N, C-alpha and C. Protein backbone atom coordinates (compact mmCIF):
# COMPACT_ATOMS: atom_id res chain seq x y z
N MET A 1 3.78 -29.33 -11.47
CA MET A 1 4.19 -27.96 -11.31
C MET A 1 5.24 -27.34 -10.60
N THR A 2 5.99 -26.35 -11.00
CA THR A 2 7.39 -25.73 -10.23
C THR A 2 6.88 -24.89 -9.30
N PHE A 3 7.15 -25.17 -7.91
CA PHE A 3 6.47 -24.52 -7.02
C PHE A 3 7.21 -23.07 -7.07
N ALA A 4 6.42 -22.02 -6.91
CA ALA A 4 7.40 -20.60 -6.60
C ALA A 4 6.64 -19.56 -5.74
N VAL A 5 7.45 -18.73 -5.25
CA VAL A 5 6.91 -17.80 -4.12
C VAL A 5 6.69 -16.53 -5.26
N PHE A 6 5.47 -16.18 -4.75
CA PHE A 6 5.05 -14.73 -5.69
C PHE A 6 4.45 -13.97 -4.48
N ASP A 7 4.38 -12.57 -4.52
CA ASP A 7 3.39 -11.98 -4.19
C ASP A 7 2.28 -11.75 -4.92
N ALA A 8 0.63 -11.57 -4.27
CA ALA A 8 -0.21 -11.20 -4.37
C ALA A 8 -0.82 -10.06 -3.68
N VAL A 9 -0.99 -8.88 -4.55
CA VAL A 9 -0.91 -7.76 -4.66
C VAL A 9 -2.52 -7.32 -4.77
N ARG A 10 -3.72 -6.79 -3.84
CA ARG A 10 -4.76 -6.02 -4.17
C ARG A 10 -4.45 -4.47 -4.18
N LEU A 11 -4.48 -4.28 -5.73
CA LEU A 11 -4.01 -2.95 -5.91
C LEU A 11 -5.47 -1.69 -5.96
N GLU A 12 -5.52 -0.75 -5.61
CA GLU A 12 -6.85 -0.06 -5.26
C GLU A 12 -6.91 0.60 -6.92
N THR A 13 -7.83 0.41 -7.48
CA THR A 13 -8.36 0.89 -8.83
C THR A 13 -9.55 1.88 -8.97
N PRO A 14 -9.95 2.68 -8.23
CA PRO A 14 -11.23 3.08 -7.80
C PRO A 14 -11.71 3.45 -9.43
N SER A 15 -13.23 3.90 -9.88
CA SER A 15 -13.61 4.31 -10.80
C SER A 15 -13.17 5.92 -11.18
N SER A 16 -12.85 6.21 -12.22
CA SER A 16 -12.39 7.50 -12.15
C SER A 16 -13.25 8.31 -13.13
N PRO A 17 -13.07 9.62 -12.92
CA PRO A 17 -14.38 10.74 -13.83
C PRO A 17 -13.94 10.75 -15.10
N CYS A 18 -14.26 10.85 -16.44
CA CYS A 18 -14.19 11.03 -17.37
C CYS A 18 -13.71 12.39 -17.78
N PHE A 19 -12.40 12.34 -18.18
CA PHE A 19 -11.87 13.82 -18.51
C PHE A 19 -11.36 14.27 -19.91
N VAL A 20 -11.99 13.25 -20.87
CA VAL A 20 -11.45 13.57 -22.25
C VAL A 20 -12.93 13.83 -22.90
N PRO A 21 -12.95 14.08 -23.99
CA PRO A 21 -14.24 14.80 -24.83
C PRO A 21 -15.23 14.19 -24.74
N GLU A 22 -16.51 14.41 -24.64
CA GLU A 22 -18.04 13.54 -24.56
C GLU A 22 -17.76 12.85 -25.97
N GLY A 23 -18.07 11.35 -26.01
CA GLY A 23 -18.26 10.89 -26.89
C GLY A 23 -17.24 10.03 -27.60
N VAL A 24 -15.98 10.35 -26.91
CA VAL A 24 -14.62 9.29 -26.92
C VAL A 24 -15.19 7.56 -26.40
N PHE A 25 -16.14 7.54 -25.40
CA PHE A 25 -16.54 6.44 -25.18
C PHE A 25 -17.95 6.48 -25.01
N ASP A 26 -18.20 5.09 -25.58
CA ASP A 26 -19.68 4.92 -25.77
C ASP A 26 -20.19 4.47 -24.53
N ALA A 27 -19.51 3.76 -23.72
CA ALA A 27 -19.97 3.35 -22.41
C ALA A 27 -19.10 3.41 -21.30
N PHE A 28 -18.81 4.99 -20.96
CA PHE A 28 -17.74 5.18 -19.57
C PHE A 28 -18.19 4.64 -18.45
N GLY A 29 -17.41 3.81 -17.88
CA GLY A 29 -17.93 3.16 -16.42
C GLY A 29 -19.03 2.38 -16.31
N TRP A 30 -19.25 1.45 -17.52
CA TRP A 30 -20.12 0.75 -17.56
C TRP A 30 -20.03 -0.44 -16.12
N CYS A 31 -18.90 -0.54 -15.85
CA CYS A 31 -18.50 -1.95 -14.86
C CYS A 31 -17.66 -0.87 -13.95
N GLU A 32 -18.20 -0.62 -12.63
CA GLU A 32 -17.29 0.32 -11.50
C GLU A 32 -16.04 -0.80 -11.35
N SER A 33 -15.08 0.11 -11.70
CA SER A 33 -13.75 -0.48 -11.38
C SER A 33 -13.49 -0.25 -9.69
N ASP A 34 -12.74 -1.16 -9.13
CA ASP A 34 -12.55 -1.09 -7.50
C ASP A 34 -11.17 -1.74 -7.45
N TRP A 35 -10.62 -2.92 -7.69
CA TRP A 35 -9.47 -3.41 -7.19
C TRP A 35 -9.08 -4.09 -8.53
N LEU A 36 -7.53 -4.40 -8.50
CA LEU A 36 -6.93 -5.38 -8.93
C LEU A 36 -6.09 -6.24 -8.59
N GLU A 37 -6.03 -8.15 -8.77
CA GLU A 37 -5.29 -8.56 -8.21
C GLU A 37 -4.00 -8.96 -9.06
N TRP A 38 -3.08 -8.17 -8.63
CA TRP A 38 -1.42 -8.33 -8.96
C TRP A 38 -0.70 -9.00 -8.50
N ARG A 39 -0.32 -10.23 -9.14
CA ARG A 39 1.24 -11.19 -8.62
C ARG A 39 2.58 -10.62 -9.39
N CYS A 40 3.53 -10.79 -8.46
CA CYS A 40 4.85 -10.71 -8.87
C CYS A 40 5.78 -11.84 -8.54
N PRO A 41 6.46 -12.06 -8.52
CA PRO A 41 7.56 -13.39 -8.18
C PRO A 41 8.01 -13.00 -7.11
N VAL A 42 8.31 -12.74 -5.81
CA VAL A 42 9.05 -12.28 -4.53
C VAL A 42 10.21 -11.72 -5.01
N GLY A 43 10.54 -10.43 -4.91
CA GLY A 43 12.02 -9.85 -5.15
C GLY A 43 12.29 -10.01 -6.16
N ALA A 44 11.27 -9.92 -7.51
CA ALA A 44 11.60 -9.66 -8.77
C ALA A 44 11.22 -8.27 -9.61
N PHE A 45 10.39 -7.29 -8.98
CA PHE A 45 9.69 -6.36 -9.48
C PHE A 45 11.01 -5.65 -9.54
N ARG A 46 10.85 -4.84 -10.85
CA ARG A 46 12.01 -3.99 -11.35
C ARG A 46 11.17 -2.91 -11.99
N GLU A 47 11.93 -1.35 -11.06
CA GLU A 47 11.01 -0.30 -11.20
C GLU A 47 11.79 0.38 -12.70
N SER A 48 12.71 0.27 -13.05
CA SER A 48 13.56 0.46 -13.94
C SER A 48 13.30 0.89 -15.46
N THR A 49 12.55 -0.40 -15.81
CA THR A 49 11.77 -0.30 -17.05
C THR A 49 11.01 1.02 -17.57
N PRO A 50 11.52 1.34 -18.75
CA PRO A 50 11.07 2.62 -19.14
C PRO A 50 9.49 2.44 -19.91
N ILE A 51 8.62 3.50 -19.83
CA ILE A 51 7.49 3.63 -20.27
C ILE A 51 7.38 4.44 -21.67
N ASP A 52 7.58 3.67 -22.99
CA ASP A 52 8.03 4.66 -23.96
C ASP A 52 7.33 3.98 -25.41
N GLY A 53 6.00 3.13 -24.83
CA GLY A 53 5.46 3.24 -25.66
C GLY A 53 5.43 1.15 -26.50
N SER A 54 6.79 0.90 -26.13
CA SER A 54 7.02 -0.10 -26.70
C SER A 54 6.25 -1.47 -26.05
N ASP A 55 6.07 -2.82 -26.32
CA ASP A 55 5.13 -3.65 -25.93
C ASP A 55 5.96 -4.35 -24.80
N PRO A 56 4.81 -4.55 -23.56
CA PRO A 56 5.17 -4.90 -22.53
C PRO A 56 5.35 -6.35 -22.36
N GLU A 57 6.49 -6.70 -21.99
CA GLU A 57 7.16 -7.70 -21.48
C GLU A 57 6.91 -8.40 -20.80
N ARG A 58 6.64 -9.52 -20.28
CA ARG A 58 6.38 -10.44 -18.99
C ARG A 58 5.25 -9.78 -18.37
N MET A 59 4.22 -9.76 -19.19
CA MET A 59 3.03 -9.41 -18.56
C MET A 59 1.91 -10.25 -19.14
N VAL A 60 0.80 -10.72 -18.31
CA VAL A 60 -0.18 -11.26 -19.43
C VAL A 60 -1.70 -11.23 -18.02
N PHE A 61 -2.39 -11.30 -18.42
CA PHE A 61 -3.57 -11.75 -17.78
C PHE A 61 -4.12 -12.91 -17.51
N VAL A 62 -4.08 -13.44 -16.14
CA VAL A 62 -4.20 -14.84 -15.98
C VAL A 62 -5.74 -15.14 -15.94
N PHE A 63 -6.41 -16.21 -16.31
CA PHE A 63 -7.80 -16.63 -16.04
C PHE A 63 -7.87 -17.09 -14.78
N ARG A 64 -8.61 -17.00 -14.07
CA ARG A 64 -8.90 -18.02 -12.66
C ARG A 64 -9.63 -19.17 -13.31
N GLU A 65 -10.21 -19.22 -14.06
CA GLU A 65 -11.24 -20.32 -14.51
C GLU A 65 -10.81 -20.66 -16.21
N PRO A 66 -10.66 -21.58 -16.85
CA PRO A 66 -10.77 -21.53 -18.24
C PRO A 66 -11.64 -20.66 -18.90
N CYS A 67 -11.48 -20.01 -20.14
CA CYS A 67 -12.13 -19.27 -20.52
C CYS A 67 -12.67 -19.86 -22.16
N GLN A 68 -13.83 -19.80 -22.51
CA GLN A 68 -14.20 -20.71 -23.91
C GLN A 68 -14.33 -19.39 -24.76
N PHE A 69 -14.38 -18.07 -24.49
CA PHE A 69 -15.11 -17.05 -25.32
C PHE A 69 -13.62 -15.85 -25.72
N LEU A 70 -12.76 -16.27 -25.10
CA LEU A 70 -11.41 -15.41 -25.69
C LEU A 70 -10.40 -16.23 -26.09
N PRO A 71 -9.55 -15.49 -26.94
CA PRO A 71 -8.31 -16.08 -27.48
C PRO A 71 -6.89 -16.38 -26.25
N CYS A 72 -7.02 -17.60 -26.04
CA CYS A 72 -5.82 -17.98 -24.54
C CYS A 72 -4.54 -18.32 -25.17
N GLU A 73 -3.67 -18.30 -24.37
CA GLU A 73 -2.52 -19.11 -24.62
C GLU A 73 -1.92 -19.19 -23.11
N LEU A 74 -0.87 -20.31 -23.15
CA LEU A 74 -0.48 -20.71 -21.88
C LEU A 74 0.29 -19.52 -20.88
N ALA A 75 -0.37 -19.31 -19.78
CA ALA A 75 0.59 -17.96 -19.21
C ALA A 75 1.85 -18.62 -18.73
N LYS A 76 2.46 -19.61 -19.09
CA LYS A 76 3.95 -19.59 -18.61
C LYS A 76 4.62 -19.25 -19.99
N VAL A 77 4.01 -18.99 -20.98
CA VAL A 77 5.05 -18.59 -22.22
C VAL A 77 5.20 -17.07 -21.77
N HIS A 78 4.42 -16.16 -21.03
CA HIS A 78 4.81 -14.88 -21.28
C HIS A 78 5.19 -14.11 -19.69
N ALA A 79 4.80 -14.97 -18.65
CA ALA A 79 5.18 -14.85 -17.18
C ALA A 79 5.84 -15.86 -16.47
N PHE A 80 6.82 -15.67 -15.89
CA PHE A 80 8.02 -16.51 -15.61
C PHE A 80 8.27 -16.50 -13.86
N GLY A 81 8.58 -17.56 -13.32
CA GLY A 81 8.92 -17.12 -11.78
C GLY A 81 7.75 -17.80 -11.25
N TYR A 82 6.50 -17.79 -11.60
CA TYR A 82 5.38 -18.12 -10.72
C TYR A 82 4.91 -19.62 -10.81
N GLY A 83 5.55 -20.58 -11.13
CA GLY A 83 5.65 -21.72 -11.36
C GLY A 83 4.02 -22.16 -12.13
N PHE A 84 3.88 -21.11 -13.10
CA PHE A 84 2.56 -21.49 -13.98
C PHE A 84 3.17 -23.04 -14.59
N ASP A 85 1.93 -23.75 -14.89
CA ASP A 85 2.02 -24.72 -15.68
C ASP A 85 1.12 -25.13 -16.91
N GLN A 86 -0.15 -25.45 -16.44
CA GLN A 86 -1.35 -25.66 -17.58
C GLN A 86 -2.68 -24.31 -17.65
N GLU A 87 -1.78 -23.27 -16.67
CA GLU A 87 -2.49 -22.23 -16.50
C GLU A 87 -3.18 -21.12 -17.82
N TRP A 88 -4.43 -20.92 -18.15
CA TRP A 88 -4.51 -20.09 -19.35
C TRP A 88 -4.39 -18.71 -18.95
N ALA A 89 -3.87 -17.86 -19.88
CA ALA A 89 -4.40 -16.25 -20.05
C ALA A 89 -4.41 -15.54 -21.20
N LEU A 90 -4.94 -14.68 -21.32
CA LEU A 90 -5.55 -13.84 -22.65
C LEU A 90 -4.36 -13.68 -23.14
N ALA A 91 -4.91 -14.04 -24.37
CA ALA A 91 -3.57 -14.06 -25.83
C ALA A 91 -3.50 -12.48 -25.18
N PRO A 92 -1.92 -11.94 -25.54
CA PRO A 92 -1.62 -10.47 -25.39
C PRO A 92 -2.37 -9.78 -26.94
N TYR A 93 -2.40 -10.18 -27.62
CA TYR A 93 -3.25 -9.64 -28.49
C TYR A 93 -4.57 -9.30 -28.69
N ALA A 94 -5.23 -9.90 -27.64
CA ALA A 94 -6.64 -10.21 -27.59
C ALA A 94 -7.33 -8.72 -26.57
N ILE A 95 -6.43 -7.81 -26.34
CA ILE A 95 -7.07 -6.87 -25.33
C ILE A 95 -8.41 -6.44 -25.60
N ASP A 96 -8.14 -5.80 -26.69
CA ASP A 96 -9.55 -5.37 -27.15
C ASP A 96 -11.14 -6.53 -27.63
N ASP A 97 -10.49 -7.33 -27.99
CA ASP A 97 -11.24 -8.62 -27.53
C ASP A 97 -12.21 -8.90 -26.39
N ALA A 98 -11.30 -8.77 -25.16
CA ALA A 98 -11.68 -8.74 -23.84
C ALA A 98 -12.33 -7.86 -23.70
N THR A 99 -12.02 -6.59 -23.99
CA THR A 99 -12.76 -5.22 -23.69
C THR A 99 -14.18 -5.39 -24.46
N ASP A 100 -14.47 -5.88 -25.58
CA ASP A 100 -15.75 -5.99 -26.01
C ASP A 100 -16.44 -7.06 -25.45
N ALA A 101 -15.69 -8.30 -24.91
CA ALA A 101 -16.52 -9.35 -24.60
C ALA A 101 -16.65 -9.20 -23.03
N PHE A 102 -16.11 -8.39 -22.50
CA PHE A 102 -16.75 -8.18 -20.89
C PHE A 102 -17.69 -7.45 -20.65
N PHE A 103 -17.95 -6.12 -21.93
CA PHE A 103 -19.09 -5.33 -22.10
C PHE A 103 -20.10 -5.91 -22.42
N ALA A 104 -20.12 -6.69 -23.22
CA ALA A 104 -21.19 -7.32 -24.53
C ALA A 104 -21.94 -8.41 -23.17
N ARG A 105 -21.11 -9.08 -22.47
CA ARG A 105 -21.54 -10.24 -21.46
C ARG A 105 -21.70 -9.81 -20.08
N THR A 106 -21.56 -8.15 -19.59
CA THR A 106 -21.53 -7.47 -18.52
C THR A 106 -20.86 -8.19 -17.36
N LEU A 107 -19.62 -8.62 -17.70
CA LEU A 107 -18.49 -9.99 -17.02
C LEU A 107 -17.73 -8.78 -16.17
N GLN A 108 -17.58 -8.44 -14.81
CA GLN A 108 -16.64 -8.07 -13.82
C GLN A 108 -15.37 -8.91 -13.74
N PRO A 109 -14.30 -7.96 -14.83
CA PRO A 109 -12.92 -8.20 -15.12
C PRO A 109 -12.19 -8.96 -13.90
N ARG A 110 -12.58 -8.57 -12.69
CA ARG A 110 -11.65 -8.80 -11.67
C ARG A 110 -11.81 -10.41 -11.05
N ASN A 111 -13.35 -10.82 -11.36
CA ASN A 111 -14.02 -12.27 -11.11
C ASN A 111 -13.02 -13.10 -12.38
N LEU A 112 -12.30 -12.51 -13.35
CA LEU A 112 -12.29 -13.65 -14.25
C LEU A 112 -10.73 -13.61 -14.57
N VAL A 113 -10.15 -12.26 -13.91
CA VAL A 113 -8.60 -12.36 -14.24
C VAL A 113 -7.61 -11.71 -13.13
N PHE A 114 -6.65 -12.23 -13.24
CA PHE A 114 -5.56 -11.15 -12.22
C PHE A 114 -4.34 -10.87 -13.22
N LEU A 115 -3.62 -10.10 -12.91
CA LEU A 115 -2.65 -9.43 -13.76
C LEU A 115 -1.34 -10.03 -13.08
N ALA A 116 -0.27 -10.58 -13.99
CA ALA A 116 1.15 -11.15 -13.45
C ALA A 116 2.03 -10.37 -14.51
N ALA A 117 2.76 -9.35 -13.80
CA ALA A 117 3.74 -8.74 -14.40
C ALA A 117 4.89 -8.18 -13.43
N ASP A 118 6.24 -8.54 -13.82
CA ASP A 118 7.42 -8.33 -12.89
C ASP A 118 8.02 -7.03 -13.14
N ASN A 119 7.53 -6.25 -13.96
CA ASN A 119 8.35 -4.78 -14.14
C ASN A 119 7.36 -3.51 -14.11
N LEU A 120 7.78 -2.51 -14.11
CA LEU A 120 6.85 -1.28 -13.91
C LEU A 120 6.51 -1.15 -15.35
N ASN A 121 7.27 -1.21 -16.90
CA ASN A 121 6.20 -0.88 -18.06
C ASN A 121 5.42 -2.13 -17.79
N ALA A 122 5.66 -3.14 -17.69
CA ALA A 122 4.53 -4.24 -17.44
C ALA A 122 2.95 -4.10 -16.63
N LEU A 123 3.49 -3.49 -15.72
CA LEU A 123 2.46 -3.15 -14.41
C LEU A 123 1.82 -2.12 -14.96
N PHE A 124 2.55 -0.96 -15.60
CA PHE A 124 1.81 0.15 -15.92
C PHE A 124 1.09 -0.13 -17.21
N TRP A 125 1.28 -0.95 -17.93
CA TRP A 125 0.39 -1.36 -19.43
C TRP A 125 -0.58 -2.07 -19.13
N GLY A 126 -0.59 -3.07 -17.94
CA GLY A 126 -1.17 -3.95 -17.50
C GLY A 126 -2.96 -2.85 -17.00
N LEU A 127 -2.10 -1.92 -16.20
CA LEU A 127 -3.29 -1.00 -15.47
C LEU A 127 -4.14 -0.11 -16.65
N HIS A 128 -3.27 0.21 -17.70
CA HIS A 128 -3.96 0.60 -18.71
C HIS A 128 -5.27 -0.12 -19.20
N ASP A 129 -4.44 -1.09 -19.63
CA ASP A 129 -5.81 -2.13 -20.14
C ASP A 129 -6.84 -2.50 -19.11
N TRP A 130 -6.62 -2.30 -17.83
CA TRP A 130 -7.80 -2.21 -16.99
C TRP A 130 -8.76 -1.44 -17.19
N VAL A 131 -8.06 -0.16 -17.27
CA VAL A 131 -8.88 1.19 -17.94
C VAL A 131 -9.99 0.92 -19.01
N HIS A 132 -9.36 0.19 -19.92
CA HIS A 132 -10.26 -0.17 -21.17
C HIS A 132 -11.22 -1.43 -20.26
N PHE A 133 -10.99 -2.51 -19.97
CA PHE A 133 -11.95 -3.08 -19.67
C PHE A 133 -13.05 -2.61 -18.64
N HIS A 134 -13.21 -1.51 -17.96
CA HIS A 134 -14.02 -1.06 -17.28
C HIS A 134 -15.06 0.03 -18.39
N ASN A 135 -13.99 0.85 -19.36
CA ASN A 135 -14.85 1.85 -20.39
C ASN A 135 -14.43 1.52 -21.55
N HIS A 136 -15.88 1.15 -22.08
CA HIS A 136 -15.79 0.56 -23.45
C HIS A 136 -16.06 1.96 -24.47
N GLY A 137 -15.67 1.92 -25.39
CA GLY A 137 -15.14 2.60 -26.54
C GLY A 137 -15.16 1.95 -27.87
N PRO A 138 -15.77 3.00 -29.23
CA PRO A 138 -15.26 2.74 -30.32
C PRO A 138 -13.87 2.30 -30.69
N PHE A 139 -12.94 3.24 -29.70
CA PHE A 139 -11.34 3.26 -30.26
C PHE A 139 -11.35 3.99 -31.72
N ASP A 140 -12.30 4.83 -31.88
CA ASP A 140 -12.07 5.82 -33.32
C ASP A 140 -11.01 6.93 -32.96
N ARG A 141 -11.38 7.42 -31.73
CA ARG A 141 -10.58 8.63 -31.24
C ARG A 141 -9.49 8.22 -30.08
N VAL A 142 -8.21 7.21 -31.13
CA VAL A 142 -7.17 7.04 -30.31
C VAL A 142 -6.34 7.36 -29.36
N ALA A 143 -6.19 8.98 -30.15
CA ALA A 143 -5.45 9.56 -29.03
C ALA A 143 -5.83 10.23 -27.66
N TRP A 144 -7.40 10.55 -27.92
CA TRP A 144 -8.01 10.68 -26.52
C TRP A 144 -8.32 9.25 -25.59
N THR A 145 -8.34 8.25 -26.19
CA THR A 145 -9.04 7.03 -25.46
C THR A 145 -7.93 6.87 -24.84
N GLU A 146 -6.65 6.55 -25.19
CA GLU A 146 -5.21 6.62 -24.72
C GLU A 146 -4.90 7.10 -23.55
N LEU A 147 -5.54 8.31 -23.87
CA LEU A 147 -5.04 9.68 -22.69
C LEU A 147 -5.68 9.26 -21.49
N GLN A 148 -7.12 8.90 -21.39
CA GLN A 148 -7.88 8.60 -20.31
C GLN A 148 -7.25 7.56 -19.57
N CYS A 149 -7.00 6.42 -20.75
CA CYS A 149 -6.35 5.28 -20.01
C CYS A 149 -5.18 5.12 -19.25
N ASP A 150 -4.19 6.30 -19.77
CA ASP A 150 -3.02 6.59 -19.40
C ASP A 150 -2.65 6.87 -18.08
N LEU A 151 -3.61 8.40 -17.84
CA LEU A 151 -3.67 8.95 -16.93
C LEU A 151 -4.43 8.74 -15.71
N THR A 152 -5.42 7.44 -15.80
CA THR A 152 -6.09 6.93 -15.10
C THR A 152 -5.16 5.85 -14.52
N ALA A 153 -4.48 5.27 -15.29
CA ALA A 153 -3.70 4.13 -14.85
C ALA A 153 -1.95 4.83 -13.93
N LEU A 154 -1.81 5.93 -14.11
CA LEU A 154 -0.90 6.72 -13.47
C LEU A 154 -1.61 7.04 -11.79
N HIS A 155 -2.59 7.50 -11.87
CA HIS A 155 -3.38 7.66 -10.70
C HIS A 155 -3.48 6.45 -9.67
N TRP A 156 -3.64 5.61 -10.61
CA TRP A 156 -3.61 4.09 -9.39
C TRP A 156 -2.14 3.99 -9.12
N LEU A 157 -1.38 3.80 -10.03
CA LEU A 157 0.02 3.77 -9.69
C LEU A 157 0.47 4.81 -8.27
N ALA A 158 0.16 6.03 -8.50
CA ALA A 158 0.36 7.19 -7.42
C ALA A 158 -0.13 6.43 -6.25
N ARG A 159 -1.37 6.06 -6.18
CA ARG A 159 -1.88 5.86 -4.93
C ARG A 159 -1.43 4.24 -4.25
N SER A 160 -0.79 3.42 -5.05
CA SER A 160 -0.21 2.43 -4.60
C SER A 160 1.25 2.24 -4.67
N ARG A 161 1.87 3.32 -4.73
CA ARG A 161 3.50 3.49 -5.11
C ARG A 161 4.22 2.79 -4.07
N ARG A 162 3.78 2.95 -2.74
CA ARG A 162 4.80 2.33 -1.78
C ARG A 162 4.32 1.11 -1.81
N ARG A 163 2.99 0.47 -1.84
CA ARG A 163 2.53 -1.17 -1.76
C ARG A 163 3.50 -1.49 -3.05
N ILE A 164 3.88 -1.04 -4.20
CA ILE A 164 4.19 -1.74 -5.17
C ILE A 164 5.73 -1.61 -5.24
N GLY A 165 6.13 -0.55 -4.68
CA GLY A 165 7.57 -0.36 -4.21
C GLY A 165 8.48 0.20 -5.44
N ILE A 166 7.68 1.36 -5.90
CA ILE A 166 8.08 2.37 -6.71
C ILE A 166 8.85 3.81 -6.06
N SER A 167 9.70 3.99 -6.19
CA SER A 167 10.84 5.22 -5.60
C SER A 167 10.19 6.60 -5.69
N VAL A 168 10.14 7.68 -5.24
CA VAL A 168 9.74 8.88 -5.33
C VAL A 168 10.52 9.19 -6.34
N SER A 169 11.92 9.29 -7.04
CA SER A 169 12.23 9.62 -7.88
C SER A 169 12.02 8.79 -9.50
N ARG A 170 11.72 7.70 -9.20
CA ARG A 170 11.15 6.85 -10.11
C ARG A 170 9.72 7.23 -10.87
N PHE A 171 9.04 7.79 -9.80
CA PHE A 171 7.86 7.92 -9.98
C PHE A 171 7.82 9.30 -10.65
N ASP A 172 8.70 10.19 -10.11
CA ASP A 172 8.81 11.61 -11.16
C ASP A 172 8.73 11.32 -12.29
N SER A 173 9.78 10.40 -12.54
CA SER A 173 10.15 10.24 -14.01
C SER A 173 9.46 9.69 -14.65
N LEU A 174 8.38 8.71 -14.30
CA LEU A 174 7.67 7.96 -14.93
C LEU A 174 6.58 9.05 -15.30
N VAL A 175 6.09 9.98 -14.41
CA VAL A 175 5.01 11.07 -14.78
C VAL A 175 5.42 11.77 -16.08
N HIS A 176 6.83 12.00 -16.21
CA HIS A 176 7.69 12.75 -17.36
C HIS A 176 7.24 11.55 -18.69
N GLU A 177 7.54 10.37 -18.32
CA GLU A 177 7.43 9.54 -19.45
C GLU A 177 6.03 9.56 -20.18
N ILE A 178 5.09 9.29 -19.30
CA ILE A 178 3.87 9.24 -19.58
C ILE A 178 3.37 10.87 -20.52
N ASP A 179 3.98 11.56 -19.65
CA ASP A 179 3.52 13.27 -20.63
C ASP A 179 4.26 13.05 -21.71
N GLU A 180 5.12 12.55 -21.93
CA GLU A 180 5.68 12.57 -23.31
C GLU A 180 5.03 11.27 -24.39
N LEU A 181 4.68 10.08 -23.83
CA LEU A 181 3.81 9.57 -24.69
C LEU A 181 2.66 10.22 -25.20
N ALA A 182 1.83 10.81 -24.39
CA ALA A 182 0.56 11.22 -24.46
C ALA A 182 1.03 12.31 -25.48
N THR A 183 1.71 13.31 -25.47
CA THR A 183 2.05 14.43 -26.39
C THR A 183 2.32 13.85 -27.79
N LYS A 184 2.74 12.71 -27.83
CA LYS A 184 3.22 12.41 -29.18
C LYS A 184 2.14 12.00 -29.94
N ARG A 185 0.98 11.46 -29.20
CA ARG A 185 0.10 10.97 -29.78
C ARG A 185 -1.04 11.82 -30.61
N PHE A 186 -1.01 13.47 -30.17
CA PHE A 186 -1.24 14.46 -30.77
C PHE A 186 -0.40 15.20 -31.53
N ALA A 187 -0.86 15.34 -32.81
CA ALA A 187 0.43 16.27 -33.69
C ALA A 187 0.11 17.57 -33.36
N PRO A 188 0.98 18.57 -33.36
CA PRO A 188 1.23 19.60 -32.61
C PRO A 188 0.48 20.48 -33.40
N THR A 189 -0.07 20.29 -34.92
CA THR A 189 -1.14 21.26 -35.43
C THR A 189 -2.29 20.79 -35.12
N ASP A 190 -2.79 19.63 -34.65
CA ASP A 190 -3.83 19.18 -34.32
C ASP A 190 -4.91 20.12 -33.51
N ARG A 191 -6.02 20.45 -33.97
CA ARG A 191 -6.71 21.38 -33.01
C ARG A 191 -7.02 20.90 -31.54
N ASP A 192 -6.83 19.64 -31.31
CA ASP A 192 -7.27 19.14 -30.02
C ASP A 192 -5.48 19.00 -29.13
N ALA A 193 -4.91 19.52 -29.71
CA ALA A 193 -3.44 19.66 -28.93
C ALA A 193 -3.56 20.45 -27.90
N ALA A 194 -4.06 21.68 -27.90
CA ALA A 194 -4.25 22.80 -26.95
C ALA A 194 -4.83 21.81 -25.74
N ARG A 195 -5.90 21.58 -26.01
CA ARG A 195 -7.09 21.11 -24.99
C ARG A 195 -6.58 19.77 -24.30
N MET A 196 -5.75 19.25 -25.18
CA MET A 196 -5.07 17.99 -24.51
C MET A 196 -3.93 18.44 -23.25
N ARG A 197 -2.95 19.79 -23.77
CA ARG A 197 -2.16 19.67 -22.84
C ARG A 197 -2.87 20.31 -21.23
N LYS A 198 -4.03 21.08 -21.85
CA LYS A 198 -4.31 21.55 -20.30
C LYS A 198 -5.07 20.22 -19.57
N ILE A 199 -6.01 19.71 -20.34
CA ILE A 199 -6.45 18.68 -19.77
C ILE A 199 -5.37 17.45 -18.88
N ALA A 200 -4.17 17.64 -19.65
CA ALA A 200 -2.92 16.52 -19.04
C ALA A 200 -2.34 17.50 -17.88
N ALA A 201 -2.12 18.64 -17.98
CA ALA A 201 -1.75 19.72 -16.89
C ALA A 201 -2.45 19.54 -15.73
N ASP A 202 -3.60 19.47 -15.84
CA ASP A 202 -4.71 19.01 -14.63
C ASP A 202 -4.40 18.03 -14.13
N GLN A 203 -4.70 17.15 -15.16
CA GLN A 203 -4.65 15.64 -14.44
C GLN A 203 -3.35 15.36 -13.64
N PHE A 204 -1.87 15.90 -14.21
CA PHE A 204 -0.71 15.72 -13.34
C PHE A 204 -0.46 16.38 -12.01
N ARG A 205 -1.16 17.27 -12.06
CA ARG A 205 -1.37 18.11 -10.88
C ARG A 205 -2.14 17.30 -9.55
N SER A 206 -2.97 16.92 -10.23
CA SER A 206 -4.18 16.13 -9.26
C SER A 206 -3.16 14.72 -9.40
N ILE A 207 -2.41 13.87 -9.98
CA ILE A 207 -1.92 12.70 -9.68
C ILE A 207 -0.59 13.09 -8.69
N ARG A 208 0.04 14.28 -8.88
CA ARG A 208 0.84 14.64 -7.90
C ARG A 208 0.50 14.66 -6.37
N ASN A 209 -1.10 14.95 -6.16
CA ASN A 209 -1.38 15.02 -4.73
C ASN A 209 -2.36 13.75 -4.28
N VAL A 210 -2.10 12.88 -5.10
CA VAL A 210 -2.69 11.75 -4.60
C VAL A 210 -2.22 11.11 -3.19
N GLU A 211 -3.17 10.40 -2.28
CA GLU A 211 -2.81 10.40 -0.97
C GLU A 211 -2.18 9.22 -1.59
N CYS A 212 -1.07 8.58 -1.21
CA CYS A 212 -0.41 7.41 -1.27
C CYS A 212 -0.95 6.45 0.07
N VAL A 213 -1.47 4.85 -0.52
CA VAL A 213 -1.71 3.94 0.58
C VAL A 213 -0.85 2.94 1.37
N ASP A 214 -0.80 2.91 2.22
CA ASP A 214 0.34 1.87 2.50
C ASP A 214 0.05 0.48 2.27
């Protein structure tokens, strides 16, 4: 194994109330969320990567122990600078499989995986997936499901902004990027669009008032 130096940070991820319409999730909050272990090579975190809906690069959920019931790939294929060798990670295409499996087996995600991510885009989508893992849904109302996950992840980033190393200016631009991303999922003529805008506006005000932990 190649030895490397990385930070292991416990990010606070407290359970969030459901603010999207009833029925979007069939088991919202089935598992209480509390924290996520995030690892990043020392000095490697990049806050500049935009959140534009593109696939997150250099992000993967690494299993603490080998997993027999989910698709796996070697962690070193997706995350670099950690000294990974034969450690296994959740295959990036299997987020939905993991969401279903954790729910069906009543498994607390933090006991099984930690997140490896060395840039803001990767970290945001890792937190977005962390919301999925704790709130099961049929995923047949995609825009609403994703809105809950986007804004909950943004709440968590706001809480840990200083701990992560996100500047105030970058966080402000991040809020705008998430707003644009959420808006694009709702067609302007969609009858849900106006309701979404009100919910999002309320949540963005709340996010800006989140107390940042040290």
